[in-house]
C-alpha atoms as a PDB file:
ATOM      1  CA  UNK A   1     -17.900  31.977  -8.713  1.00  0.00           C
ATOM      2  CA  UNK A   2     -17.283  28.534  -7.253  1.00  0.00           C
ATOM      3  CA  UNK A   3     -14.797  27.602  -9.987  1.00  0.00           C
ATOM      4  CA  UNK A   4     -12.840  30.756  -9.208  1.00  0.00           C
ATOM      5  CA  UNK A   5     -12.610  29.772  -5.542  1.00  0.00           C
ATOM      6  CA  UNK A   6     -11.544  26.230  -6.426  1.00  0.00           C
ATOM      7  CA  UNK A   7      -8.696  27.547  -8.573  1.00  0.00           C
ATOM      8  CA  UNK A   8      -7.432  29.612  -5.633  1.00  0.00           C
ATOM      9  CA  UNK A   9      -7.216  26.656  -3.263  1.00  0.00           C
ATOM     10  CA  UNK A  10      -3.574  25.589  -2.819  1.00  0.00           C
ATOM     11  CA  UNK A  11      -2.636  22.008  -3.588  1.00  0.00           C
ATOM     12  CA  UNK A  12      -1.911  19.837  -0.548  1.00  0.00           C
ATOM     13  CA  UNK A  13       1.740  19.136   0.145  1.00  0.00           C
ATOM     14  CA  UNK A  14       3.214  15.918  -1.168  1.00  0.00           C
ATOM     15  CA  UNK A  15       6.486  14.093  -0.782  1.00  0.00           C
ATOM     16  CA  UNK A  16       9.433  15.699  -2.534  1.00  0.00           C
ATOM     17  CA  UNK A  17      11.266  13.862  -5.309  1.00  0.00           C
ATOM     18  CA  UNK A  18      14.051  12.631  -3.008  1.00  0.00           C
ATOM     19  CA  UNK A  19      11.549  11.156  -0.533  1.00  0.00           C
ATOM     20  CA  UNK A  20       9.566   9.507  -3.316  1.00  0.00           C
ATOM     21  CA  UNK A  21      12.729   8.082  -4.846  1.00  0.00           C
ATOM     22  CA  UNK A  22      13.801   6.646  -1.500  1.00  0.00           C
ATOM     23  CA  UNK A  23      10.386   5.026  -0.951  1.00  0.00           C
ATOM     24  CA  UNK A  24      10.350   3.569  -4.480  1.00  0.00           C
ATOM     25  CA  UNK A  25      13.783   2.105  -3.699  1.00  0.00           C
ATOM     26  CA  UNK A  26      12.367   0.555  -0.530  1.00  0.00           C
ATOM     27  CA  UNK A  27       9.493  -0.985  -2.511  1.00  0.00           C
ATOM     28  CA  UNK A  28      11.947  -2.324  -5.105  1.00  0.00           C
ATOM     29  CA  UNK A  29      14.066  -3.889  -2.348  1.00  0.00           C
ATOM     30  CA  UNK A  30      11.031  -5.421  -0.625  1.00  0.00           C
ATOM     31  CA  UNK A  31       9.809  -6.944  -3.883  1.00  0.00           C
ATOM     32  CA  UNK A  32      13.145  -8.679  -4.511  1.00  0.00           C
ATOM     33  CA  UNK A  33      11.867 -11.390  -2.173  1.00  0.00           C
ATOM     34  CA  UNK A  34       9.969 -13.856  -4.411  1.00  0.00           C
ATOM     35  CA  UNK A  35       7.346 -14.588  -1.745  1.00  0.00           C
ATOM     36  CA  UNK A  36       6.695 -10.911  -1.126  1.00  0.00           C
ATOM     37  CA  UNK A  37       6.390 -10.371  -4.868  1.00  0.00           C
ATOM     38  CA  UNK A  38       4.013 -13.325  -5.191  1.00  0.00           C
ATOM     39  CA  UNK A  39       1.825 -12.537  -2.180  1.00  0.00           C
ATOM     40  CA  UNK A  40       1.813  -8.763  -1.794  1.00  0.00           C
ATOM     41  CA  UNK A  41       2.684  -7.101  -5.107  1.00  0.00           C
ATOM     42  CA  UNK A  42      -0.778  -7.417  -6.653  1.00  0.00           C
ATOM     43  CA  UNK A  43      -4.381  -7.266  -5.440  1.00  0.00           C
ATOM     44  CA  UNK A  44      -5.824 -10.406  -3.862  1.00  0.00           C
ATOM     45  CA  UNK A  45      -7.645 -12.440  -6.499  1.00  0.00           C
ATOM     46  CA  UNK A  46     -11.185 -12.293  -5.184  1.00  0.00           C
ATOM     47  CA  UNK A  47     -12.322 -14.862  -7.751  1.00  0.00           C
ATOM     48  CA  UNK A  48     -10.172 -17.371  -5.850  1.00  0.00           C
ATOM     49  CA  UNK A  49     -10.672 -15.955  -2.361  1.00  0.00           C
ATOM     50  CA  UNK A  50     -14.344 -15.113  -2.629  1.00  0.00           C
ATOM     51  CA  UNK A  51     -14.828 -14.157   1.016  1.00  0.00           C
ATOM     52  CA  UNK A  52     -11.847 -11.791   1.133  1.00  0.00           C
ATOM     53  CA  UNK A  53     -13.823  -8.577   0.719  1.00  0.00           C
ATOM     54  CA  UNK A  54     -16.224  -9.600   3.469  1.00  0.00           C
ATOM     55  CA  UNK A  55     -13.330  -9.759   5.928  1.00  0.00           C
ATOM     56  CA  UNK A  56     -11.077  -7.000   4.610  1.00  0.00           C
ATOM     57  CA  UNK A  57     -12.644  -3.551   4.376  1.00  0.00           C
ATOM     58  CA  UNK A  58      -9.763  -1.733   2.646  1.00  0.00           C
ATOM     59  CA  UNK A  59      -7.668  -3.975   0.398  1.00  0.00           C
ATOM     60  CA  UNK A  60      -4.051  -2.905  -0.010  1.00  0.00           C
ATOM     61  CA  UNK A  61      -1.053  -4.238  -1.923  1.00  0.00           C
ATOM     62  CA  UNK A  62       2.321  -2.978  -3.076  1.00  0.00           C
ATOM     63  CA  UNK A  63       1.060  -2.073  -6.556  1.00  0.00           C
ATOM     64  CA  UNK A  64      -1.476   0.327  -5.027  1.00  0.00           C
ATOM     65  CA  UNK A  65       1.249   1.860  -2.869  1.00  0.00           C
ATOM     66  CA  UNK A  66       3.532   2.236  -5.903  1.00  0.00           C
ATOM     67  CA  UNK A  67       0.732   3.898  -7.911  1.00  0.00           C
ATOM     68  CA  UNK A  68      -0.028   6.222  -5.021  1.00  0.00           C
ATOM     69  CA  UNK A  69       3.633   7.238  -4.867  1.00  0.00           C
ATOM     70  CA  UNK A  70       3.706   7.924  -8.611  1.00  0.00           C
ATOM     71  CA  UNK A  71       0.523  10.023  -8.388  1.00  0.00           C
ATOM     72  CA  UNK A  72       1.624  12.155  -5.394  1.00  0.00           C
ATOM     73  CA  UNK A  73      -1.044  10.688  -3.136  1.00  0.00           C
ATOM     74  CA  UNK A  74       1.123  10.631  -0.010  1.00  0.00           C
ATOM     75  CA  UNK A  75       1.667  13.865   1.889  1.00  0.00           C
ATOM     76  CA  UNK A  76       4.233  12.345   4.250  1.00  0.00           C
ATOM     77  CA  UNK A  77       6.159   9.156   4.979  1.00  0.00           C
ATOM     78  CA  UNK A  78       3.759   8.184   7.763  1.00  0.00           C
ATOM     79  CA  UNK A  79       0.883   7.743   5.315  1.00  0.00           C
ATOM     80  CA  UNK A  80       3.109   5.489   3.191  1.00  0.00           C
ATOM     81  CA  UNK A  81       3.960   3.451   6.293  1.00  0.00           C
ATOM     82  CA  UNK A  82       0.275   3.223   7.208  1.00  0.00           C
ATOM     83  CA  UNK A  83      -0.492   1.565   3.873  1.00  0.00           C
ATOM     84  CA  UNK A  84       2.353  -0.943   4.343  1.00  0.00           C
ATOM     85  CA  UNK A  85       0.986  -1.716   7.813  1.00  0.00           C
ATOM     86  CA  UNK A  86      -2.467  -2.135   6.284  1.00  0.00           C
ATOM     87  CA  UNK A  87      -1.132  -4.976   4.119  1.00  0.00           C
ATOM     88  CA  UNK A  88      -0.011  -6.719   7.295  1.00  0.00           C
ATOM     89  CA  UNK A  89      -3.272  -6.052   9.106  1.00  0.00           C
ATOM     90  CA  UNK A  90      -5.341  -7.342   6.179  1.00  0.00           C
ATOM     91  CA  UNK A  91      -3.194 -10.444   5.917  1.00  0.00           C
ATOM     92  CA  UNK A  92      -3.575 -11.072   9.622  1.00  0.00           C
ATOM     93  CA  UNK A  93      -7.370 -10.695   9.389  1.00  0.00           C
ATOM     94  CA  UNK A  94      -7.719 -13.156   6.536  1.00  0.00           C
ATOM     95  CA  UNK A  95      -5.069 -15.793   7.288  1.00  0.00           C
ATOM     96  CA  UNK A  96      -4.068 -17.944  10.238  1.00  0.00           C
ATOM     97  CA  UNK A  97      -1.626 -16.180  12.579  1.00  0.00           C
ATOM     98  CA  UNK A  98       1.038 -18.872  12.106  1.00  0.00           C
ATOM     99  CA  UNK A  99       0.675 -19.132   8.301  1.00  0.00           C
ATOM    100  CA  UNK A 100       3.752 -18.421   6.188  1.00  0.00           C
ATOM    101  CA  UNK A 101       1.981 -15.575   4.403  1.00  0.00           C
ATOM    102  CA  UNK A 102       1.131 -13.898   7.710  1.00  0.00           C
ATOM    103  CA  UNK A 103       4.717 -14.196   8.896  1.00  0.00           C
ATOM    104  CA  UNK A 104       5.896 -12.680   5.604  1.00  0.00           C
ATOM    105  CA  UNK A 105       3.449  -9.801   6.085  1.00  0.00           C
ATOM    106  CA  UNK A 106       4.938  -9.103   9.519  1.00  0.00           C
ATOM    107  CA  UNK A 107       8.382  -9.012   7.923  1.00  0.00           C
ATOM    108  CA  UNK A 108       7.234  -6.193   5.605  1.00  0.00           C
ATOM    109  CA  UNK A 109       7.059  -3.736   8.467  1.00  0.00           C
END
């Protein structure tokens, strides 16, 4: 009975193909910057920055955002923007405010 009810539940809305394509283009453009690519395109290496997960509750990077786009995770552009802002917030939590990496994070959004 439960499986029948689950099958009848509609899927949540997701971005349409044009919106996804536009956001992928934005990610591609952002990652053209070598520093952005180096600092924000992959998860923080917690073997090097061992205290990172104690300070940052929800790690985020551009590869996670890209995967979420590909897997229809986002229901609207605002949720995409929230993840980009989360990169900045995490960077600000972990690094000095005047560090180059923090300034680059502010340039993302």
